[in-house]
Amino acid sequence: MTEMLEYRSGLLGQPYLEDILKYAIHLSSADETEAVIEASSSSLTRFARNTIHQSVAETDAVLEVRAALGSRVGAASTNDLSQQGIARAVEQACILARHLPENLEWPGLPDPQTVPDVTAFDDAVASVTPETRARTAAEMCNAARALGMYASGAFSTGWAEYAVMNSKGLLAYAPGTEIGLTFVVEQPEAPASAYASAVGWRVSQIDVESLQRQALDRALAARSPRPIPAGEYPVVLEPYAVANLLDALAEAGMGALAVQEGRSWMNRRIGRRCLSPQITITDDAFDPDGLPQAFDCEGMPKQRVPIVADGVPTSPVYDRLTAAREAGRASTGHAQPYDEDWDGPLPEHLSVAPGDQGIEDLIASIDHGLYITRFWYVNLTSPTNCGVTGTTRDGTWWIERGELAYPVTNLRIDQEMVPALAQVRGIGRERRTLAGAFGGVHRVPALALESFRFIDPGNGHVGGERFEESDE
């Protein structure tokens, strides 16, 4: 162990990270010790109103230590990777463990695990330069300016490597990359805007030209939106809108803690069909077109979990603590960091099975209804049926006799998702990879639903800033 562990540019590599983790565990006086390190580098170019206004980069490495004295567990973290910094973090974790109350549900640290081999690192992403990001942003800004519109958005790239080790011999290591691009195009002084976004771990997952064309064309088509009455309408939801609702379903109870505490929409429905038989939702951390991940923050191997199969809720996701509450249950590799925001295990790689229809087919199936690009400020109103409220945003159209007739002003939604997903007209065959609310991604198609409730005609504004301040 060198006197000073200086951060180097590029991947540190497994041997280097192992040295840090071994040293931390060696210093611990606890009965059980876990050490986790994440080294990362992230860069972002942000633009607004056709001008690049921010280019930032951050490189960091954070060590987290959990020390257990019996069932008393303390934790501390640091990005000071000197010997003194590591020793201080270990000492703090041990001191906290001595003074915290016992956690009678503490399952102990896991034994060594066999971690699947997952490829999730793209040298091309790790090599993207600020000039490349700026050029992409400038091209979009220039194209919007030529059409008399404003472009805003962000282009981000980064890499990370994650390693977990504990005093029982567990070791897991994996590197990964991530790239994301989002465009928002607006009409000056008009309530019309359009949105396009994509995320992935390979450069090839981001079709810049397609996203740019989608946002510009939609913004032009969204001019002069008309108000429509509140009511219940059949809808076609773009993948962006589906991803918004999928986040709500996850938050409202796809994790075992919510089910065990009786606050999940899955309660009393597991094993019973309550959604359309067309709906299958899986948490799949191994999908090569998502953001693949081999293990969770406890070093437990990820498992592919069928959460809903043909309309039947089958199982939430588990970490070791929630699995220990149920006889014969094991972790599915979905642990979240045990911090002040901990709310049990969460799905981070949700995938909705595709159907066999194109987006035009879904639109054609509706005589009178709405086409929704995405939702904004989606919040839960009740967990039992996953009730949500929010507004439409960035492109809503009236469907007349199976065709998009004209854009409409934004509407507020008030809809329970369980009954809405029980009446599915059709599912799109194409899926997009989109950022999720919990740091992961969703793989989602378009959906056509029989009925969706809109309660507030008009502009549907609920506060908040535009994209450059609120949408990452």
Protein backbone atom coordinates (compact mmCIF):
# COMPACT_ATOMS: atom_id res chain seq x y z
CA MET A 1 0.00 0.00 0.00
CA THR A 2 1.54 3.30 -1.07
CA GLU A 3 1.49 6.29 1.26
CA MET A 4 -0.79 8.24 -1.09
CA LEU A 5 -3.34 6.79 -3.51
CA GLU A 6 -3.47 9.54 -6.11
CA TYR A 7 -6.34 9.50 -8.57
CA ARG A 8 -5.20 8.78 -12.12
CA SER A 9 -7.03 9.63 -15.35
CA GLY A 10 -8.73 6.69 -17.06
CA LEU A 11 -9.79 3.44 -15.44
CA LEU A 12 -7.97 2.64 -12.23
CA GLY A 13 -8.39 -1.07 -12.84
CA GLN A 14 -9.37 -3.96 -10.61
CA PRO A 15 -5.94 -4.61 -8.99
CA TYR A 16 -5.64 -0.98 -7.91
CA LEU A 17 -9.13 -0.88 -6.44
CA GLU A 18 -8.59 -4.22 -4.71
CA ASP A 19 -5.56 -2.78 -2.93
CA ILE A 20 -7.71 0.04 -1.52
CA LEU A 21 -10.48 -2.31 -0.39
CA LYS A 22 -8.08 -4.83 1.19
CA TYR A 23 -6.38 -2.06 3.09
CA ALA A 24 -9.71 -0.75 4.45
CA ILE A 25 -10.84 -4.19 5.59
CA HIS A 26 -7.42 -4.87 7.14
CA LEU A 27 -7.77 -1.75 9.31
CA SER A 28 -11.23 -2.61 10.62
CA SER A 29 -11.81 -3.91 14.14
CA ALA A 30 -15.44 -4.84 13.41
CA ASP A 31 -16.85 -8.37 13.35
CA GLU A 32 -17.74 -7.90 9.67
CA THR A 33 -16.59 -5.22 7.26
CA GLU A 34 -17.66 -4.27 3.77
CA ALA A 35 -15.76 -1.82 1.56
CA VAL A 36 -17.15 -0.43 -1.70
CA ILE A 37 -15.46 1.94 -4.11
CA GLU A 38 -16.82 3.73 -7.14
CA ALA A 39 -14.42 5.59 -9.39
CA SER A 40 -16.06 7.69 -12.06
CA SER A 41 -15.60 10.38 -14.65
CA SER A 42 -18.57 12.29 -16.08
CA SER A 43 -18.82 15.15 -18.56
CA LEU A 44 -21.76 17.26 -19.65
CA THR A 45 -22.41 19.89 -22.31
CA ARG A 46 -25.62 21.82 -21.73
CA PHE A 47 -27.24 24.31 -24.10
CA ALA A 48 -30.30 26.57 -23.97
CA ARG A 49 -31.96 28.96 -26.43
CA ASN A 50 -29.53 27.95 -29.17
CA THR A 51 -26.43 28.67 -27.10
CA ILE A 52 -24.02 26.37 -25.27
CA HIS A 53 -23.86 27.76 -21.75
CA GLN A 54 -22.19 25.02 -19.70
CA SER A 55 -19.47 22.44 -20.17
CA VAL A 56 -18.45 20.58 -17.04
CA ALA A 57 -16.43 17.51 -16.10
CA GLU A 58 -16.01 15.71 -12.80
CA THR A 59 -13.67 12.91 -11.81
CA ASP A 60 -13.96 11.29 -8.42
CA ALA A 61 -13.48 8.10 -6.42
CA VAL A 62 -15.55 7.43 -3.30
CA LEU A 63 -14.89 4.71 -0.72
CA GLU A 64 -17.79 3.54 1.45
CA VAL A 65 -17.22 1.36 4.53
CA ARG A 66 -19.81 -0.61 6.51
CA ALA A 67 -18.71 -2.03 9.83
CA ALA A 68 -20.86 -4.48 11.81
CA LEU A 69 -20.43 -5.26 15.50
CA GLY A 70 -22.98 -7.97 16.03
CA SER A 71 -26.13 -6.42 14.61
CA ARG A 72 -24.96 -2.84 15.13
CA VAL A 73 -23.94 -1.42 11.74
CA GLY A 74 -22.11 1.84 11.09
CA ALA A 75 -21.18 3.38 7.75
CA ALA A 76 -18.84 6.11 6.59
CA SER A 77 -17.55 7.35 3.25
CA THR A 78 -14.67 9.42 1.89
CA ASN A 79 -12.98 10.44 -1.34
CA ASP A 80 -9.68 10.95 0.47
CA LEU A 81 -7.84 7.80 -0.65
CA SER A 82 -4.67 8.44 1.28
CA GLN A 83 -3.81 5.94 4.00
CA GLN A 84 -4.94 8.51 6.55
CA GLY A 85 -8.22 9.15 4.72
CA ILE A 86 -9.04 5.45 4.46
CA ALA A 87 -8.15 4.86 8.11
CA ARG A 88 -10.35 7.77 9.19
CA ALA A 89 -13.38 6.39 7.28
CA VAL A 90 -12.89 2.91 8.75
CA GLU A 91 -12.56 4.32 12.26
CA GLN A 92 -15.73 6.42 11.84
CA ALA A 93 -17.72 3.40 10.65
CA CYS A 94 -16.54 1.36 13.65
CA ILE A 95 -17.30 4.16 16.13
CA LEU A 96 -20.81 4.54 14.71
CA ALA A 97 -21.37 0.80 14.95
CA ARG A 98 -20.51 0.84 18.64
CA HIS A 99 -23.04 3.59 19.38
CA LEU A 100 -25.95 2.76 17.08
CA PRO A 101 -28.85 0.58 18.28
CA GLU A 102 -29.04 -3.05 17.26
CA ASN A 103 -30.71 -3.88 13.96
CA LEU A 104 -32.41 -7.18 14.73
CA GLU A 105 -33.08 -7.76 11.02
CA TRP A 106 -29.45 -7.36 10.01
CA PRO A 107 -28.75 -10.40 7.77
CA GLY A 108 -24.97 -10.14 7.99
CA LEU A 109 -22.67 -9.69 5.03
CA PRO A 110 -22.96 -12.11 2.09
CA ASP A 111 -20.60 -14.98 1.41
CA PRO A 112 -18.54 -14.99 -1.81
CA GLN A 113 -20.74 -14.95 -4.93
CA THR A 114 -20.36 -16.01 -8.55
CA VAL A 115 -20.88 -12.81 -10.51
CA PRO A 116 -21.99 -13.06 -14.16
CA ASP A 117 -19.70 -11.76 -16.87
CA VAL A 118 -21.36 -8.62 -18.27
CA THR A 119 -20.00 -6.34 -20.98
CA ALA A 120 -20.98 -2.71 -20.43
CA PHE A 121 -17.89 -0.65 -21.37
CA ASP A 122 -17.42 1.12 -24.70
CA ASP A 123 -14.06 2.75 -25.38
CA ALA A 124 -15.75 5.07 -27.88
CA VAL A 125 -17.96 6.53 -25.12
CA ALA A 126 -15.03 6.94 -22.74
CA SER A 127 -13.16 8.76 -25.53
CA VAL A 128 -15.84 11.30 -26.47
CA THR A 129 -14.26 14.77 -26.29
CA PRO A 130 -15.75 18.12 -25.24
CA GLU A 131 -15.32 19.20 -28.88
CA THR A 132 -17.52 16.30 -30.06
CA ARG A 133 -20.25 17.15 -27.57
CA ALA A 134 -20.05 20.86 -28.45
CA ARG A 135 -20.24 20.11 -32.17
CA THR A 136 -23.38 18.00 -31.68
CA ALA A 137 -25.00 20.72 -29.58
CA ALA A 138 -24.04 23.44 -32.06
CA GLU A 139 -25.53 21.52 -34.97
CA MET A 140 -28.85 21.26 -33.16
CA CYS A 141 -28.80 24.93 -32.15
CA ASN A 142 -28.05 26.03 -35.71
CA ALA A 143 -30.80 23.84 -37.15
CA ALA A 144 -33.36 25.22 -34.69
CA ARG A 145 -32.24 28.81 -35.30
CA ALA A 146 -32.68 28.36 -39.05
CA LEU A 147 -36.32 27.40 -38.42
CA GLY A 148 -36.94 30.27 -36.03
CA MET A 149 -37.03 28.03 -32.93
CA TYR A 150 -35.05 27.54 -29.73
CA ALA A 151 -33.14 24.37 -28.92
CA SER A 152 -32.15 23.34 -25.40
CA GLY A 153 -30.74 20.12 -24.04
CA ALA A 154 -27.77 18.22 -22.72
CA PHE A 155 -25.19 15.76 -24.00
CA SER A 156 -23.50 13.67 -21.32
CA THR A 157 -20.85 10.96 -21.35
CA GLY A 158 -19.03 9.12 -18.61
CA TRP A 159 -17.47 5.96 -17.28
CA ALA A 160 -17.39 4.31 -13.88
CA GLU A 161 -15.90 1.26 -12.24
CA TYR A 162 -17.44 -0.31 -9.18
CA ALA A 163 -15.85 -2.78 -6.76
CA VAL A 164 -17.22 -4.50 -3.64
CA MET A 165 -15.22 -6.53 -1.11
CA ASN A 166 -16.07 -7.82 2.33
CA SER A 167 -14.33 -9.61 5.20
CA LYS A 168 -16.03 -12.91 4.30
CA GLY A 169 -14.17 -13.10 1.00
CA LEU A 170 -16.67 -11.59 -1.42
CA LEU A 171 -15.19 -9.66 -4.35
CA ALA A 172 -17.00 -8.16 -7.34
CA TYR A 173 -15.72 -5.68 -9.93
CA ALA A 174 -17.17 -4.18 -13.10
CA PRO A 175 -16.51 -1.15 -15.34
CA GLY A 176 -19.17 0.58 -17.43
CA THR A 177 -19.86 3.57 -19.64
CA GLU A 178 -22.94 5.73 -20.17
CA ILE A 179 -23.95 8.21 -22.85
CA GLY A 180 -27.10 10.31 -22.94
CA LEU A 181 -28.53 12.96 -25.26
CA THR A 182 -31.69 15.05 -24.85
CA PHE A 183 -33.18 17.72 -27.10
CA VAL A 184 -36.06 20.10 -26.34
CA VAL A 185 -37.17 22.43 -29.16
CA GLU A 186 -39.54 25.33 -28.46
CA GLN A 187 -41.47 27.90 -30.44
CA PRO A 188 -40.59 31.46 -29.32
CA GLU A 189 -43.37 32.96 -27.22
CA ALA A 190 -45.72 30.08 -28.01
CA PRO A 191 -46.93 27.09 -25.97
CA ALA A 192 -45.41 24.57 -28.37
CA SER A 193 -42.42 22.31 -27.78
CA ALA A 194 -41.03 18.91 -28.70
CA TYR A 195 -38.75 16.40 -27.00
CA ALA A 196 -36.32 13.65 -28.01
CA SER A 197 -33.96 11.64 -25.81
CA ALA A 198 -31.89 8.47 -25.67
CA VAL A 199 -29.42 6.79 -23.31
CA GLY A 200 -27.11 3.80 -23.51
CA TRP A 201 -23.63 2.46 -22.85
CA ARG A 202 -22.52 2.31 -26.50
CA VAL A 203 -22.13 5.23 -28.90
CA SER A 204 -24.11 3.24 -31.46
CA GLN A 205 -27.20 3.41 -29.22
CA ILE A 206 -27.48 7.19 -29.78
CA ASP A 207 -28.79 8.13 -33.24
CA VAL A 208 -28.07 11.86 -33.16
CA GLU A 209 -29.58 12.65 -36.56
CA SER A 210 -32.79 10.79 -35.82
CA LEU A 211 -33.24 12.50 -32.43
CA GLN A 212 -32.57 15.92 -33.94
CA ARG A 213 -35.01 15.36 -36.80
CA GLN A 214 -37.66 14.03 -34.42
CA ALA A 215 -37.48 17.08 -32.15
CA LEU A 216 -37.44 19.64 -34.98
CA ASP A 217 -40.27 18.04 -36.95
CA ARG A 218 -42.45 17.66 -33.87
CA ALA A 219 -41.86 21.27 -32.80
CA LEU A 220 -42.98 22.53 -36.20
CA ALA A 221 -46.06 20.30 -36.12
CA ALA A 222 -46.98 21.45 -32.60
CA ARG A 223 -47.71 25.04 -33.62
CA SER A 224 -51.02 26.63 -32.63
CA PRO A 225 -52.32 24.01 -30.17
CA ARG A 226 -56.06 24.03 -29.45
CA PRO A 227 -57.79 23.47 -26.09
CA ILE A 228 -60.03 20.43 -25.63
CA PRO A 229 -62.46 19.58 -22.82
CA ALA A 230 -61.42 17.51 -19.83
CA GLY A 231 -62.65 13.94 -19.97
CA GLU A 232 -61.69 10.33 -20.49
CA TYR A 233 -60.15 9.48 -23.85
CA PRO A 234 -58.42 6.56 -25.54
CA VAL A 235 -54.70 7.35 -25.80
CA VAL A 236 -51.55 6.41 -27.64
CA LEU A 237 -48.54 6.88 -25.37
CA GLU A 238 -45.08 7.34 -26.85
CA PRO A 239 -42.27 5.43 -25.13
CA TYR A 240 -41.32 8.61 -23.24
CA ALA A 241 -44.78 8.71 -21.64
CA VAL A 242 -44.70 4.98 -20.95
CA ALA A 243 -41.35 5.40 -19.18
CA ASN A 244 -42.85 8.15 -16.97
CA LEU A 245 -45.65 5.82 -15.89
CA LEU A 246 -43.30 2.88 -15.44
CA ASP A 247 -41.36 4.97 -12.91
CA ALA A 248 -44.61 5.48 -11.00
CA LEU A 249 -45.37 1.74 -11.00
CA ALA A 250 -41.87 1.05 -9.66
CA GLU A 251 -42.14 3.72 -6.97
CA ALA A 252 -45.58 2.49 -5.95
CA GLY A 253 -44.48 -0.98 -5.19
CA MET A 254 -42.23 -3.13 -7.38
CA GLY A 255 -39.80 -3.49 -4.47
CA ALA A 256 -40.21 -6.05 -1.70
CA LEU A 257 -40.18 -3.52 1.16
CA ALA A 258 -43.29 -1.78 -0.19
CA VAL A 259 -45.05 -5.13 -0.61
CA GLN A 260 -44.07 -6.29 2.89
CA GLU A 261 -45.32 -3.03 4.40
CA GLY A 262 -48.64 -3.28 2.53
CA ARG A 263 -48.21 -0.09 0.47
CA SER A 264 -47.76 -1.58 -2.98
CA TRP A 265 -50.17 -1.86 -5.90
CA MET A 266 -49.01 -5.51 -6.06
CA ASN A 267 -50.50 -6.31 -2.64
CA ARG A 268 -53.29 -8.90 -2.87
CA ARG A 269 -52.67 -9.17 -6.61
CA ILE A 270 -49.58 -11.41 -6.84
CA GLY A 271 -50.53 -14.49 -8.79
CA ARG A 272 -53.78 -12.94 -10.01
CA ARG A 273 -54.30 -11.31 -13.40
CA CYS A 274 -55.11 -7.64 -12.90
CA LEU A 275 -53.47 -6.12 -15.99
CA SER A 276 -53.99 -6.83 -19.67
CA PRO A 277 -52.54 -10.19 -20.78
CA GLN A 278 -50.54 -8.13 -23.28
CA ILE A 279 -48.50 -6.61 -20.43
CA THR A 280 -45.25 -8.30 -19.42
CA ILE A 281 -42.73 -6.30 -17.36
CA THR A 282 -39.30 -7.68 -16.50
CA ASP A 283 -36.37 -6.25 -14.62
CA ASP A 284 -33.51 -7.31 -16.89
CA ALA A 285 -30.03 -6.09 -15.97
CA PHE A 286 -28.48 -8.21 -18.72
CA ASP A 287 -30.20 -6.62 -21.73
CA PRO A 288 -27.33 -5.51 -24.01
CA ASP A 289 -29.49 -2.66 -25.32
CA GLY A 290 -30.04 -1.26 -21.83
CA LEU A 291 -27.34 -0.44 -19.25
CA PRO A 292 -26.09 -3.92 -18.30
CA GLN A 293 -25.10 -4.50 -14.69
CA ALA A 294 -23.57 -7.59 -13.08
CA PHE A 295 -24.20 -7.05 -9.33
CA ASP A 296 -25.74 -4.68 -6.79
CA CYS A 297 -24.17 -2.53 -4.09
CA GLU A 298 -23.87 -5.55 -1.76
CA GLY A 299 -22.01 -7.56 -4.40
CA MET A 300 -24.99 -9.84 -5.00
CA PRO A 301 -25.41 -11.06 -8.59
CA LYS A 302 -28.19 -9.45 -10.56
CA GLN A 303 -31.11 -11.69 -11.49
CA ARG A 304 -33.62 -11.32 -14.28
CA VAL A 305 -36.94 -10.84 -12.44
CA PRO A 306 -40.32 -11.28 -14.17
CA ILE A 307 -42.37 -8.73 -12.23
CA VAL A 308 -45.52 -9.02 -14.37
CA ALA A 309 -46.08 -11.97 -16.71
CA ASP A 310 -48.99 -11.78 -19.18
CA GLY A 311 -50.85 -9.39 -16.92
CA VAL A 312 -50.16 -11.33 -13.70
CA PRO A 313 -47.96 -9.72 -11.00
CA THR A 314 -45.48 -12.43 -10.00
CA SER A 315 -42.81 -10.96 -7.74
CA PRO A 316 -41.21 -7.72 -6.57
CA VAL A 317 -37.44 -7.39 -6.46
CA TYR A 318 -35.44 -8.18 -3.27
CA ASP A 319 -32.27 -7.29 -1.45
CA ARG A 320 -30.78 -9.42 1.33
CA LEU A 321 -32.64 -7.69 4.17
CA THR A 322 -36.10 -8.03 2.63
CA ALA A 323 -35.37 -11.56 1.42
CA ALA A 324 -34.46 -12.60 4.99
CA ARG A 325 -38.00 -11.69 6.09
CA GLU A 326 -39.52 -14.45 3.93
CA ALA A 327 -38.68 -18.13 4.31
CA GLY A 328 -36.87 -19.58 1.31
CA ARG A 329 -36.44 -16.20 -0.38
CA ALA A 330 -33.10 -14.97 -1.74
CA SER A 331 -31.87 -11.59 -2.90
CA THR A 332 -32.47 -10.83 -6.57
CA GLY A 333 -29.55 -8.39 -6.61
CA HIS A 334 -31.51 -5.16 -6.20
CA ALA A 335 -30.04 -3.62 -3.03
CA GLN A 336 -29.85 0.16 -2.78
CA PRO A 337 -27.36 2.10 -0.64
CA TYR A 338 -28.42 2.16 3.00
CA ASP A 339 -28.61 5.94 3.42
CA GLU A 340 -31.27 8.40 4.57
CA ASP A 341 -33.15 7.92 1.29
CA TRP A 342 -33.25 4.11 1.53
CA ASP A 343 -36.67 2.70 0.68
CA GLY A 344 -35.79 -0.91 0.08
CA PRO A 345 -34.80 -2.67 -3.13
CA LEU A 346 -35.77 -1.09 -6.44
CA PRO A 347 -35.91 -2.22 -10.07
CA GLU A 348 -33.45 -0.30 -12.21
CA HIS A 349 -33.68 -2.09 -15.58
CA LEU A 350 -37.37 -2.35 -16.37
CA SER A 351 -38.34 -3.77 -19.73
CA VAL A 352 -41.84 -3.88 -21.22
CA ALA A 353 -42.29 -6.69 -23.74
CA PRO A 354 -42.96 -5.32 -27.25
CA GLY A 355 -46.07 -6.02 -29.29
CA ASP A 356 -46.53 -6.42 -33.03
CA GLN A 357 -47.84 -3.02 -34.11
CA GLY A 358 -46.22 0.08 -35.55
CA ILE A 359 -46.98 3.49 -34.07
CA GLU A 360 -49.19 4.25 -37.10
CA ASP A 361 -51.22 1.11 -36.38
CA LEU A 362 -51.80 2.21 -32.78
CA ILE A 363 -52.96 5.65 -33.91
CA ALA A 364 -55.18 4.12 -36.59
CA SER A 365 -56.94 2.01 -33.95
CA ILE A 366 -58.43 5.14 -32.32
CA ASP A 367 -61.40 7.01 -33.75
CA HIS A 368 -61.26 9.93 -31.30
CA GLY A 369 -58.55 10.27 -28.67
CA LEU A 370 -55.16 11.68 -27.73
CA TYR A 371 -51.55 11.09 -28.70
CA ILE A 372 -49.18 11.82 -25.78
CA THR A 373 -45.44 12.41 -26.14
CA ARG A 374 -44.60 12.43 -22.43
CA PHE A 375 -45.72 13.46 -18.97
CA TRP A 376 -44.25 16.01 -16.55
CA TYR A 377 -44.24 16.26 -12.75
CA VAL A 378 -45.79 12.82 -12.37
CA ASN A 379 -46.59 12.21 -8.70
CA LEU A 380 -48.36 9.42 -6.86
CA THR A 381 -51.81 10.17 -5.46
CA SER A 382 -52.43 6.68 -4.04
CA PRO A 383 -50.29 3.53 -4.02
CA THR A 384 -53.14 0.98 -3.96
CA ASN A 385 -53.93 1.24 -7.67
CA CYS A 386 -50.88 3.38 -8.50
CA GLY A 387 -52.85 6.59 -8.91
CA VAL A 388 -50.87 9.37 -10.59
CA THR A 389 -51.24 13.03 -11.45
CA GLY A 390 -49.14 15.28 -13.64
CA THR A 391 -49.40 17.01 -16.99
CA THR A 392 -48.80 16.26 -20.63
CA ARG A 393 -45.78 18.00 -22.13
CA ASP A 394 -43.78 18.56 -25.30
CA GLY A 395 -46.38 17.49 -27.83
CA THR A 396 -49.98 16.33 -27.43
CA TRP A 397 -52.22 15.71 -30.46
CA TRP A 398 -55.88 15.07 -31.05
CA ILE A 399 -56.54 11.84 -32.98
CA GLU A 400 -59.45 12.01 -35.42
CA ARG A 401 -60.52 8.91 -37.36
CA GLY A 402 -57.21 7.21 -36.91
CA GLU A 403 -54.97 10.16 -37.82
CA LEU A 404 -53.22 12.96 -35.97
CA ALA A 405 -55.53 15.90 -36.59
CA TYR A 406 -54.04 18.86 -34.68
CA PRO A 407 -51.96 19.70 -31.58
CA VAL A 408 -53.76 20.40 -28.31
CA THR A 409 -52.79 22.36 -25.22
CA ASN A 410 -51.45 20.45 -22.25
CA LEU A 411 -53.80 18.65 -19.90
CA ARG A 412 -53.54 17.47 -16.31
CA ILE A 413 -53.91 13.74 -15.76
CA ASP A 414 -55.58 11.94 -12.86
CA GLN A 415 -55.43 8.22 -13.51
CA GLU A 416 -54.99 4.96 -11.64
CA MET A 417 -52.52 2.87 -13.57
CA VAL A 418 -53.78 -0.59 -12.63
CA PRO A 419 -57.19 -0.16 -14.29
CA ALA A 420 -55.61 1.77 -17.19
CA LEU A 421 -53.19 -1.09 -17.94
CA ALA A 422 -55.99 -3.60 -17.68
CA GLN A 423 -57.40 -2.20 -20.93
CA VAL A 424 -54.63 -2.23 -23.54
CA ARG A 425 -55.56 -1.76 -27.20
CA GLY A 426 -52.10 -2.54 -28.51
CA ILE A 427 -48.34 -2.39 -27.95
CA GLY A 428 -45.69 -1.08 -30.32
CA ARG A 429 -43.06 -3.35 -31.79
CA GLU A 430 -40.23 -0.81 -31.49
CA ARG A 431 -38.63 -0.16 -28.10
CA ARG A 432 -36.48 2.74 -26.93
CA THR A 433 -33.88 2.84 -24.18
CA LEU A 434 -34.71 5.75 -21.88
CA ALA A 435 -33.42 7.04 -18.56
CA GLY A 436 -35.34 5.93 -15.46
CA ALA A 437 -36.02 7.82 -12.26
CA PHE A 438 -33.79 5.61 -10.05
CA GLY A 439 -30.57 5.94 -12.04
CA GLY A 440 -31.17 2.98 -14.33
CA VAL A 441 -32.92 2.69 -17.68
CA HIS A 442 -36.18 1.45 -19.17
CA ARG A 443 -36.72 -0.46 -22.41
CA VAL A 444 -40.18 0.58 -23.50
CA PRO A 445 -42.51 0.47 -26.52
CA ALA A 446 -45.48 2.70 -27.30
CA LEU A 447 -48.84 1.76 -25.75
CA ALA A 448 -52.45 2.30 -26.81
CA LEU A 449 -54.91 2.32 -23.89
CA GLU A 450 -58.70 2.24 -23.95
CA SER A 451 -59.19 5.10 -21.49
CA PHE A 452 -57.16 7.76 -19.71
CA ARG A 453 -58.55 10.53 -17.48
CA PHE A 454 -57.75 14.21 -18.05
CA ILE A 455 -59.13 16.67 -15.48
CA ASP A 456 -57.72 20.10 -16.25
CA PRO A 457 -57.91 21.65 -19.73
CA GLY A 458 -55.66 24.57 -20.58
CA ASN A 459 -51.92 24.79 -20.42
CA GLY A 460 -51.56 22.29 -17.56
CA HIS A 461 -48.69 24.25 -16.03
CA VAL A 462 -47.66 23.02 -12.58
CA GLY A 463 -44.58 25.08 -11.90
CA GLY A 464 -40.89 24.41 -12.32
CA GLU A 465 -38.32 25.59 -14.83
CA ARG A 466 -37.75 24.57 -18.41
CA PHE A 467 -35.45 21.77 -19.46
CA GLU A 468 -32.13 23.48 -18.96
CA GLU A 469 -32.78 23.69 -15.21
CA SER A 470 -34.97 20.66 -14.47
CA ASP A 471 -34.50 17.86 -17.02
CA GLU A 472 -31.29 15.87 -16.84
